[in-house]
């Protein structure tokens, strides 16, 4: 099993159903040392799935004061690959330590 930290549209039930075919189970978490920004999405599949043209994106700041709230979901490895397909080219998946001490995959800015 894998942990996936989501701070954006993967938290939406409609996106989960379309991407994974099920609703995900997760808990509230915090990702330290990152700041939140936004990008305009042009990918038609992602636009149709999320129903949003502006999506959040994370940038590493290294500052203790910077934190991003989100949800850590437990998913299978094959579901992680489905998440990779959902995210657009502006994102890259990295493994980070959440404030709770749990490791999780996170999509951040390239």
Protein backbone atom coordinates (compact mmCIF):
# COMPACT_ATOMS: atom_id res chain seq x y z
CA UNK A 1 0.00 0.00 0.00
CA UNK A 2 1.05 3.58 -0.66
CA UNK A 3 0.29 6.90 1.05
CA UNK A 4 -0.73 9.77 -1.21
CA UNK A 5 -0.98 13.33 0.15
CA UNK A 6 -3.59 15.38 -1.67
CA UNK A 7 -4.09 19.12 -1.26
CA UNK A 8 -6.27 19.68 -4.30
CA UNK A 9 -8.72 18.05 -6.67
CA UNK A 10 -7.87 14.43 -5.76
CA UNK A 11 -9.76 15.15 -2.53
CA UNK A 12 -12.98 15.59 -4.54
CA UNK A 13 -15.28 12.55 -4.58
CA UNK A 14 -16.11 12.99 -8.28
CA UNK A 15 -12.40 13.01 -9.19
CA UNK A 16 -11.74 9.93 -7.05
CA UNK A 17 -14.58 7.99 -8.65
CA UNK A 18 -13.46 8.90 -12.17
CA UNK A 19 -9.74 8.32 -11.49
CA UNK A 20 -9.81 5.29 -9.16
CA UNK A 21 -13.33 3.90 -9.53
CA UNK A 22 -13.93 4.24 -5.79
CA UNK A 23 -13.92 6.72 -2.93
CA UNK A 24 -10.61 6.87 -1.07
CA UNK A 25 -10.17 6.63 2.68
CA UNK A 26 -7.82 9.10 4.30
CA UNK A 27 -7.05 11.36 7.21
CA UNK A 28 -6.23 15.05 7.55
CA UNK A 29 -2.49 15.76 7.35
CA UNK A 30 -0.08 18.66 7.02
CA UNK A 31 2.91 18.92 4.67
CA UNK A 32 5.62 21.16 6.14
CA UNK A 33 8.06 23.42 4.28
CA UNK A 34 5.91 23.87 1.17
CA UNK A 35 3.83 26.78 -0.09
CA UNK A 36 0.69 26.65 -2.18
CA UNK A 37 0.21 28.40 -5.51
CA UNK A 38 -2.10 27.89 -8.51
CA UNK A 39 -1.80 27.01 -12.20
CA UNK A 40 -4.18 27.04 -15.16
CA UNK A 41 -4.98 23.56 -16.45
CA UNK A 42 -5.30 22.98 -20.20
CA UNK A 43 -5.58 19.17 -20.32
CA UNK A 44 -9.14 18.31 -21.49
CA UNK A 45 -9.43 15.07 -19.47
CA UNK A 46 -8.39 16.79 -16.25
CA UNK A 47 -10.71 19.74 -16.96
CA UNK A 48 -13.65 17.40 -17.54
CA UNK A 49 -12.80 15.30 -14.48
CA UNK A 50 -12.19 18.11 -11.98
CA UNK A 51 -14.57 20.69 -13.48
CA UNK A 52 -11.94 23.30 -12.53
CA UNK A 53 -9.48 25.17 -14.76
CA UNK A 54 -7.35 26.48 -11.88
CA UNK A 55 -5.60 23.85 -9.73
CA UNK A 56 -3.34 24.21 -6.70
CA UNK A 57 0.35 23.34 -7.00
CA UNK A 58 3.09 23.11 -4.38
CA UNK A 59 6.54 24.68 -4.29
CA UNK A 60 9.21 23.72 -1.78
CA UNK A 61 10.16 26.71 0.37
CA UNK A 62 12.18 25.05 3.12
CA UNK A 63 10.65 27.49 5.62
CA UNK A 64 9.36 26.04 8.91
CA UNK A 65 6.44 28.46 8.88
CA UNK A 66 5.15 27.19 5.52
CA UNK A 67 2.62 24.36 5.71
CA UNK A 68 -0.04 22.94 3.44
CA UNK A 69 -3.16 21.21 4.74
CA UNK A 70 -4.54 18.20 2.92
CA UNK A 71 -5.50 14.56 3.18
CA UNK A 72 -3.30 11.46 3.23
CA UNK A 73 -4.99 8.61 1.38
CA UNK A 74 -4.01 4.95 1.50
CA UNK A 75 -4.01 3.55 -2.03
CA UNK A 76 -2.59 0.62 -3.97
CA UNK A 77 0.45 0.90 -6.22
CA UNK A 78 -1.76 0.54 -9.32
CA UNK A 79 -3.93 3.41 -8.04
CA UNK A 80 -0.78 5.51 -7.60
CA UNK A 81 -0.07 4.94 -11.30
CA UNK A 82 -3.62 6.09 -12.09
CA UNK A 83 -2.95 9.26 -10.08
CA UNK A 84 0.21 9.77 -12.18
CA UNK A 85 -1.97 9.65 -15.31
CA UNK A 86 -4.40 12.21 -13.85
CA UNK A 87 -1.73 14.79 -12.97
CA UNK A 88 -0.55 17.07 -15.78
CA UNK A 89 3.03 17.68 -16.95
CA UNK A 90 3.60 20.63 -14.61
CA UNK A 91 3.65 18.21 -11.63
CA UNK A 92 6.20 15.65 -10.49
CA UNK A 93 5.63 12.99 -7.81
CA UNK A 94 8.05 12.97 -4.86
CA UNK A 95 8.05 11.22 -1.49
CA UNK A 96 7.96 13.57 1.51
CA UNK A 97 7.56 13.35 5.28
CA UNK A 98 4.28 14.68 6.62
CA UNK A 99 4.06 16.58 9.91
CA UNK A 100 2.75 13.40 11.60
CA UNK A 101 5.93 11.53 10.62
CA UNK A 102 4.20 9.49 7.94
CA UNK A 103 5.84 9.28 4.49
CA UNK A 104 3.62 10.00 1.52
CA UNK A 105 3.81 10.64 -2.21
CA UNK A 106 3.06 14.26 -3.14
CA UNK A 107 2.63 15.98 -6.50
CA UNK A 108 4.67 19.19 -6.57
CA UNK A 109 5.79 21.70 -9.23
CA UNK A 110 8.52 20.44 -11.59
